[in-house]
Amino acid sequence: MAPLTRISAGGPAVQPDYAAKYYSQRSTDGGLIIAEATNITESARGVYGAPGIFTQEQIDAWKPITQAVHDKGGIIFLQLWHTGRLSHPSLQPDNVLPVSSSTNMPIDESRQTLTQDGMFLFDGINDRTDQYGGSVENRARILVEVIEEVLKGVDSSKVGVRLSPYNKTCNQQDPDPATMYKYVFEKLSEYDLAYAHIVEPRGFHYENELTPKEGATKFFRQFYKGVYMMASGFERNNSIEVVENGDADIVASSPTLIWSSGLN
């Protein structure tokens, strides 16, 4: 199941009691759930009601959810989220302006808090002039450093990365996504991660005229050597075709898991 952003955690960003039932109903033996986008710090918030995992109360609220999935024989990952420049002062501590890639922030702190790497990868957003801006290698540097920092305390089999190379949502622009993300996928191949998850530019992720004719999933497959997951706009039949053709190892689904009868 692909991550499905929900806004039911209220102001404290604490998952409600019924969230365990929600995830349990969508769990199957051996199935993989990537849980909804979850804030990693108070300043990460970009939408009211999204859950967090930066206080003990929030952590405790996630425990019955993960247990409910495990009781069904399922596996669950958490999508860690920092909305960066997309936030609003009303959601920030003391109503300060949200951070962006150009913010003069301590990079050591950025690595430790997993600041949203997407705003560094896109050339149209990242206007830094230091070692984190400019070249492909520099723009990918923060992502690489975050991964290496995380892997100091977490086995690589428990870490995945989700990327949207051709995402134009919220004015994310890059004149050459193919070159940028070719480098990123080749770099990710060095870490033996649980998966790399690519999102096609469909639906909420507006279509991009720069998308390769064969689609982003198939194009970038050649550059990534690990478990490769894709999402966006796939149903059962074409999902099977994608896997059988070797274009992806896993297809993440979401719409039917929202509206199917019998699910809350």
Protein backbone atom coordinates (compact mmCIF):
# COMPACT_ATOMS: atom_id res chain seq x y z
CA MET A 1 0.00 0.00 0.00
CA ALA A 2 1.37 3.39 -1.02
CA PRO A 3 1.52 6.14 1.61
CA LEU A 4 -1.87 7.83 1.85
CA THR A 5 -1.75 11.17 3.61
CA ARG A 6 -4.50 11.46 6.20
CA ILE A 7 -5.31 14.44 8.41
CA SER A 8 -6.94 12.79 11.41
CA ALA A 9 -4.26 13.35 14.05
CA GLY A 10 -5.46 16.80 15.14
CA GLY A 11 -3.34 19.62 16.50
CA PRO A 12 -1.12 17.45 18.75
CA ALA A 13 -0.31 15.27 15.69
CA VAL A 14 -1.16 12.12 17.68
CA GLN A 15 -2.74 9.18 15.86
CA PRO A 16 -6.33 8.51 17.02
CA ASP A 17 -7.31 5.16 18.54
CA TYR A 18 -9.15 4.04 15.40
CA ALA A 19 -5.99 4.33 13.26
CA ALA A 20 -4.98 0.81 14.35
CA LYS A 21 -8.21 -0.55 12.83
CA TYR A 22 -7.66 1.48 9.65
CA TYR A 23 -4.23 -0.06 9.07
CA SER A 24 -5.24 -3.53 10.25
CA GLN A 25 -8.03 -3.67 7.66
CA ARG A 26 -5.50 -2.95 4.93
CA SER A 27 -2.94 -5.50 6.11
CA THR A 28 -2.33 -8.94 4.65
CA ASP A 29 0.10 -11.72 5.41
CA GLY A 30 3.39 -10.73 3.78
CA GLY A 31 1.96 -7.43 2.54
CA LEU A 32 3.84 -4.15 2.74
CA ILE A 33 2.25 -0.93 4.00
CA ILE A 34 4.03 2.38 3.71
CA ALA A 35 2.25 4.49 6.31
CA GLU A 36 1.11 8.05 5.77
CA ALA A 37 3.51 10.99 5.70
CA THR A 38 4.60 11.69 9.27
CA ASN A 39 6.29 14.81 10.61
CA ILE A 40 9.75 14.37 12.10
CA THR A 41 9.89 17.68 13.99
CA GLU A 42 7.44 20.37 15.01
CA SER A 43 8.81 22.60 12.24
CA ALA A 44 8.23 19.85 9.65
CA ARG A 45 4.47 20.33 9.66
CA GLY A 46 2.87 21.44 6.41
CA VAL A 47 -0.76 20.46 6.94
CA TYR A 48 -2.93 20.46 10.05
CA GLY A 49 -3.81 16.99 11.29
CA ALA A 50 -0.89 15.03 9.88
CA PRO A 51 0.68 12.74 12.50
CA GLY A 52 4.10 13.18 14.02
CA ILE A 53 6.76 10.99 15.55
CA PHE A 54 8.83 13.56 17.46
CA THR A 55 7.18 13.32 20.91
CA GLN A 56 6.77 10.34 23.20
CA GLU A 57 2.98 10.63 23.01
CA GLN A 58 3.13 10.40 19.22
CA ILE A 59 5.53 7.44 19.33
CA ASP A 60 3.27 5.61 21.78
CA ALA A 61 0.26 6.19 19.49
CA TRP A 62 2.08 4.46 16.62
CA LYS A 63 2.81 1.31 18.64
CA PRO A 64 -0.69 -0.26 18.49
CA ILE A 65 -0.79 0.55 14.77
CA THR A 66 2.42 -1.31 14.00
CA GLN A 67 1.31 -4.16 16.26
CA ALA A 68 -2.01 -4.42 14.41
CA VAL A 69 -0.19 -4.72 11.08
CA HIS A 70 2.24 -7.29 12.48
CA ASP A 71 -0.64 -9.31 13.92
CA LYS A 72 -1.90 -9.75 10.34
CA GLY A 73 1.55 -10.86 9.20
CA GLY A 74 2.19 -7.54 7.46
CA ILE A 75 5.21 -5.28 7.22
CA ILE A 76 4.99 -1.54 7.82
CA PHE A 77 7.33 1.33 6.96
CA LEU A 78 6.83 4.95 7.99
CA GLN A 79 7.14 7.75 5.45
CA LEU A 80 9.17 10.41 7.25
CA TRP A 81 8.12 13.89 6.20
CA HIS A 82 9.43 17.42 6.33
CA THR A 83 7.42 19.80 4.16
CA GLY A 84 10.13 22.46 4.02
CA ARG A 85 9.14 25.58 2.10
CA LEU A 86 5.60 24.24 1.55
CA SER A 87 4.64 24.89 5.15
CA HIS A 88 2.99 28.05 6.50
CA PRO A 89 3.83 30.26 9.50
CA SER A 90 0.53 29.27 11.13
CA LEU A 91 1.89 25.72 11.43
CA GLN A 92 5.37 26.72 12.61
CA PRO A 93 6.62 27.24 16.17
CA ASP A 94 6.23 30.93 17.07
CA ASN A 95 4.75 31.52 13.60
CA VAL A 96 8.17 31.81 11.96
CA LEU A 97 8.64 31.44 8.21
CA PRO A 98 9.21 27.84 7.02
CA VAL A 99 12.68 26.75 5.92
CA SER A 100 13.73 26.33 2.29
CA SER A 101 16.84 25.02 0.54
CA SER A 102 18.28 28.55 0.60
CA THR A 103 17.79 28.97 4.34
CA ASN A 104 21.05 29.62 6.17
CA MET A 105 20.72 26.61 8.46
CA PRO A 106 23.36 24.40 10.09
CA ILE A 107 23.83 21.46 7.73
CA ASP A 108 24.74 19.14 10.62
CA GLU A 109 21.31 19.88 12.11
CA SER A 110 19.72 19.33 8.71
CA ARG A 111 21.24 15.86 8.42
CA GLN A 112 20.18 14.89 11.91
CA THR A 113 16.57 15.98 11.40
CA LEU A 114 16.19 14.55 7.89
CA THR A 115 15.25 17.88 6.31
CA GLN A 116 13.25 17.41 3.12
CA ASP A 117 15.80 16.45 0.46
CA GLY A 118 13.47 17.12 -2.46
CA MET A 119 13.97 20.86 -2.21
CA PHE A 120 17.72 20.31 -2.64
CA LEU A 121 17.41 18.03 -5.69
CA PHE A 122 15.38 20.36 -7.90
CA ASP A 123 17.50 22.94 -9.72
CA GLY A 124 14.58 25.36 -9.92
CA ILE A 125 14.30 25.48 -6.12
CA ASN A 126 17.84 25.00 -4.88
CA ASP A 127 19.72 28.26 -5.37
CA ARG A 128 22.44 27.58 -2.82
CA THR A 129 25.99 28.54 -3.76
CA ASP A 130 27.80 26.29 -1.28
CA GLN A 131 28.59 22.55 -1.43
CA TYR A 132 24.84 21.76 -1.41
CA GLY A 133 23.90 23.68 -4.56
CA GLY A 134 24.81 23.94 -8.21
CA SER A 135 26.08 20.66 -9.64
CA VAL A 136 24.21 17.36 -9.67
CA GLU A 137 26.63 15.95 -7.10
CA ASN A 138 26.19 18.94 -4.82
CA ARG A 139 22.40 18.94 -4.96
CA ALA A 140 22.35 15.22 -4.13
CA ARG A 141 24.86 15.63 -1.32
CA ILE A 142 22.34 16.22 1.48
CA LEU A 143 20.35 13.11 0.49
CA VAL A 144 23.51 11.00 0.53
CA GLU A 145 24.62 12.43 3.87
CA VAL A 146 21.19 11.85 5.43
CA ILE A 147 21.19 8.22 4.28
CA GLU A 148 24.67 7.64 5.65
CA GLU A 149 23.69 9.27 8.95
CA VAL A 150 20.59 7.09 9.26
CA LEU A 151 22.51 3.92 8.42
CA LYS A 152 24.78 4.53 11.40
CA GLY A 153 21.88 3.51 13.63
CA VAL A 154 19.47 1.57 11.40
CA ASP A 155 20.10 -1.47 9.22
CA SER A 156 19.81 -0.72 5.50
CA SER A 157 17.05 -3.35 5.21
CA LYS A 158 14.81 -0.98 7.18
CA VAL A 159 15.46 2.13 5.10
CA GLY A 160 13.79 3.14 1.83
CA VAL A 161 13.77 6.29 -0.28
CA ARG A 162 10.85 7.75 -2.24
CA LEU A 163 11.53 10.00 -5.24
CA SER A 164 9.37 11.97 -7.69
CA PRO A 165 11.76 12.96 -10.50
CA TYR A 166 9.21 14.73 -12.68
CA ASN A 167 7.01 16.19 -9.97
CA LYS A 168 5.88 19.74 -10.79
CA THR A 169 3.63 20.10 -7.75
CA CYS A 170 4.12 23.38 -5.88
CA ASN A 171 6.34 24.74 -8.66
CA GLN A 172 9.08 22.16 -8.35
CA GLN A 173 11.09 22.67 -11.54
CA ASP A 174 14.24 21.19 -13.03
CA PRO A 175 15.40 21.59 -16.66
CA ASP A 176 17.07 18.17 -16.70
CA PRO A 177 15.54 15.67 -14.24
CA ALA A 178 16.97 12.71 -16.19
CA THR A 179 20.58 13.67 -15.43
CA MET A 180 19.84 14.55 -11.81
CA TYR A 181 17.99 11.37 -10.94
CA LYS A 182 20.23 9.08 -12.98
CA TYR A 183 22.98 10.13 -10.59
CA VAL A 184 20.70 9.75 -7.57
CA PHE A 185 19.56 6.22 -8.46
CA GLU A 186 23.12 5.11 -9.23
CA LYS A 187 24.23 6.53 -5.87
CA LEU A 188 21.37 4.83 -4.01
CA SER A 189 22.45 1.50 -5.52
CA GLU A 190 25.53 1.62 -3.29
CA TYR A 191 23.57 1.29 -0.04
CA ASP A 192 21.57 -1.96 -0.34
CA LEU A 193 18.39 -0.24 0.84
CA ALA A 194 15.07 -1.99 1.42
CA TYR A 195 13.74 -0.26 -1.69
CA ALA A 196 13.79 2.83 -3.89
CA HIS A 197 10.27 4.07 -4.60
CA ILE A 198 9.62 6.15 -7.73
CA VAL A 199 6.41 8.09 -8.36
CA GLU A 200 5.12 8.63 -11.89
CA PRO A 201 3.92 12.18 -12.74
CA ARG A 202 0.21 11.43 -12.76
CA GLY A 203 -2.80 12.51 -10.75
CA PHE A 204 -1.76 14.87 -7.96
CA HIS A 205 1.75 14.78 -9.43
CA TYR A 206 1.05 16.79 -12.57
CA GLU A 207 2.20 15.45 -15.91
CA ASN A 208 5.56 16.76 -17.08
CA GLU A 209 6.51 17.24 -20.72
CA LEU A 210 10.08 16.16 -19.86
CA THR A 211 8.97 12.68 -18.77
CA PRO A 212 10.56 9.97 -20.98
CA LYS A 213 8.20 8.43 -23.53
CA GLU A 214 8.47 5.03 -21.83
CA GLY A 215 7.66 6.56 -18.44
CA ALA A 216 9.84 7.49 -15.48
CA THR A 217 9.70 4.00 -13.93
CA LYS A 218 11.06 2.16 -16.95
CA PHE A 219 13.63 4.84 -17.77
CA PHE A 220 15.27 4.93 -14.33
CA ARG A 221 15.11 1.16 -13.77
CA GLN A 222 18.40 0.75 -15.64
CA PHE A 223 20.22 2.92 -13.11
CA TYR A 224 19.05 1.27 -9.88
CA LYS A 225 20.29 -2.17 -8.84
CA GLY A 226 18.17 -2.80 -5.75
CA VAL A 227 14.50 -3.48 -5.00
CA TYR A 228 12.58 -1.03 -7.18
CA MET A 229 9.05 0.10 -6.36
CA MET A 230 6.76 2.34 -8.37
CA ALA A 231 3.43 4.07 -7.81
CA SER A 232 0.79 6.33 -9.34
CA GLY A 233 -2.02 5.38 -11.68
CA PHE A 234 -1.68 1.59 -11.75
CA GLU A 235 -4.39 -1.00 -11.27
CA ARG A 236 -4.10 -4.78 -10.89
CA ASN A 237 -3.72 -5.73 -14.57
CA ASN A 238 -1.08 -3.21 -15.60
CA SER A 239 0.70 -3.67 -12.25
CA ILE A 240 1.22 -7.35 -13.04
CA GLU A 241 2.50 -6.42 -16.49
CA VAL A 242 5.01 -3.93 -15.05
CA VAL A 243 6.45 -6.57 -12.71
CA GLU A 244 6.49 -9.36 -15.31
CA ASN A 245 8.33 -7.06 -17.74
CA GLY A 246 10.96 -6.33 -15.11
CA ASP A 247 10.24 -2.60 -15.08
CA ALA A 248 9.67 -2.74 -11.31
CA ASP A 249 9.82 -5.29 -8.51
CA ILE A 250 6.86 -3.89 -6.57
CA VAL A 251 3.87 -1.74 -7.53
CA ALA A 252 2.35 0.32 -4.74
CA SER A 253 -1.41 0.86 -4.91
CA SER A 254 -3.62 3.32 -3.11
CA PRO A 255 -7.03 4.45 -4.50
CA THR A 256 -8.86 1.14 -4.04
CA LEU A 257 -7.58 0.96 -0.47
CA ILE A 258 -9.31 4.24 0.28
CA TRP A 259 -12.80 3.67 -1.10
CA SER A 260 -13.27 -0.12 -1.15
CA SER A 261 -16.47 -1.24 0.56
CA GLY A 262 -15.93 -2.83 3.94
CA LEU A 263 -12.97 -0.60 4.78
CA ASN A 264 -13.18 2.29 7.21
